[in-house]
């Protein structure tokens, strides 16, 4: 059984935030404004420099329409979706 570190979790959150924001066409500034956070803080989360607190993470999940598990899990690799199938263009 492997242990997930805080650094891994920060990287997962950052990568997934950016991926889900791109899917929604949502900028970091827009997300910050909509959830009441500073753009600087959102950038720090997206770049895995800071770990969002529980309340902020909840608001991020809510705005992106994703579960906590989807935000904190390792993102898919090589442009493949959650099913493992290559995404269509």
Protein backbone atom coordinates (compact mmCIF):
# COMPACT_ATOMS: atom_id res chain seq x y z
CA UNK A 1 0.00 0.00 0.00
CA UNK A 2 1.47 3.36 -1.02
CA UNK A 3 1.24 6.57 0.96
CA UNK A 4 0.18 9.77 -0.75
CA UNK A 5 2.25 12.78 0.26
CA UNK A 6 1.12 16.38 0.60
CA UNK A 7 3.30 17.27 -2.38
CA UNK A 8 1.61 14.63 -4.53
CA UNK A 9 -1.80 15.85 -3.43
CA UNK A 10 -0.86 19.47 -4.25
CA UNK A 11 0.34 18.38 -7.71
CA UNK A 12 -2.86 16.40 -8.31
CA UNK A 13 -5.06 19.29 -7.21
CA UNK A 14 -3.14 21.76 -9.40
CA UNK A 15 -3.15 19.59 -12.51
CA UNK A 16 -6.81 18.67 -12.13
CA UNK A 17 -7.87 22.25 -11.42
CA UNK A 18 -6.18 23.40 -14.63
CA UNK A 19 -7.65 20.52 -16.64
CA UNK A 20 -11.21 21.02 -15.40
CA UNK A 21 -10.95 24.81 -15.75
CA UNK A 22 -9.82 24.36 -19.36
CA UNK A 23 -12.78 22.05 -20.04
CA UNK A 24 -15.10 24.78 -18.74
CA UNK A 25 -13.23 27.64 -20.43
CA UNK A 26 -12.69 29.17 -16.99
CA UNK A 27 -9.67 31.35 -16.23
CA UNK A 28 -7.85 31.43 -12.90
CA UNK A 29 -9.05 35.02 -12.40
CA UNK A 30 -12.67 34.04 -13.05
CA UNK A 31 -12.45 31.09 -10.66
CA UNK A 32 -10.90 33.30 -8.00
CA UNK A 33 -13.65 35.89 -8.36
CA UNK A 34 -16.44 33.31 -8.33
CA UNK A 35 -15.28 31.52 -5.17
CA UNK A 36 -14.06 34.59 -3.29
CA UNK A 37 -10.34 33.84 -3.37
CA UNK A 38 -7.48 35.98 -4.65
CA UNK A 39 -6.11 35.26 -8.14
CA UNK A 40 -2.65 34.90 -6.57
CA UNK A 41 -3.90 32.14 -4.26
CA UNK A 42 -5.63 30.29 -7.13
CA UNK A 43 -2.37 30.45 -9.08
CA UNK A 44 -0.48 29.05 -6.10
CA UNK A 45 -2.92 26.11 -5.91
CA UNK A 46 -2.72 25.53 -9.68
CA UNK A 47 1.10 25.55 -9.54
CA UNK A 48 1.14 23.18 -6.52
CA UNK A 49 2.86 25.77 -4.35
CA UNK A 50 0.12 25.89 -1.70
CA UNK A 51 -2.49 23.45 -0.42
CA UNK A 52 -6.02 24.86 -0.35
CA UNK A 53 -7.88 24.58 2.94
CA UNK A 54 -10.97 22.39 3.21
CA UNK A 55 -13.44 25.25 2.69
CA UNK A 56 -11.63 26.60 -0.37
CA UNK A 57 -11.24 23.11 -1.82
CA UNK A 58 -14.97 22.54 -1.35
CA UNK A 59 -15.77 25.77 -3.21
CA UNK A 60 -13.35 24.83 -6.02
CA UNK A 61 -14.98 21.41 -6.38
CA UNK A 62 -18.44 22.95 -6.35
CA UNK A 63 -17.60 25.54 -9.02
CA UNK A 64 -15.85 23.02 -11.26
CA UNK A 65 -18.67 20.50 -10.83
CA UNK A 66 -16.29 17.82 -9.60
CA UNK A 67 -16.02 15.66 -6.52
CA UNK A 68 -13.21 15.90 -4.00
CA UNK A 69 -11.94 12.55 -5.28
CA UNK A 70 -11.80 13.83 -8.87
CA UNK A 71 -9.81 16.90 -7.78
CA UNK A 72 -7.33 15.05 -5.56
CA UNK A 73 -6.77 11.87 -7.62
CA UNK A 74 -3.84 11.59 -10.03
CA UNK A 75 -4.83 13.10 -13.39
CA UNK A 76 -5.00 10.87 -16.48
CA UNK A 77 -1.84 10.57 -18.53
CA UNK A 78 -1.19 10.96 -22.25
CA UNK A 79 -4.44 12.77 -23.06
CA UNK A 80 -6.56 9.85 -22.01
CA UNK A 81 -9.85 10.32 -20.21
CA UNK A 82 -11.01 8.63 -17.03
CA UNK A 83 -11.95 5.48 -18.95
CA UNK A 84 -8.42 5.13 -20.29
CA UNK A 85 -9.62 5.59 -23.87
CA UNK A 86 -8.01 8.24 -26.00
CA UNK A 87 -10.10 11.41 -26.10
CA UNK A 88 -11.57 12.25 -29.47
CA UNK A 89 -10.63 15.51 -31.12
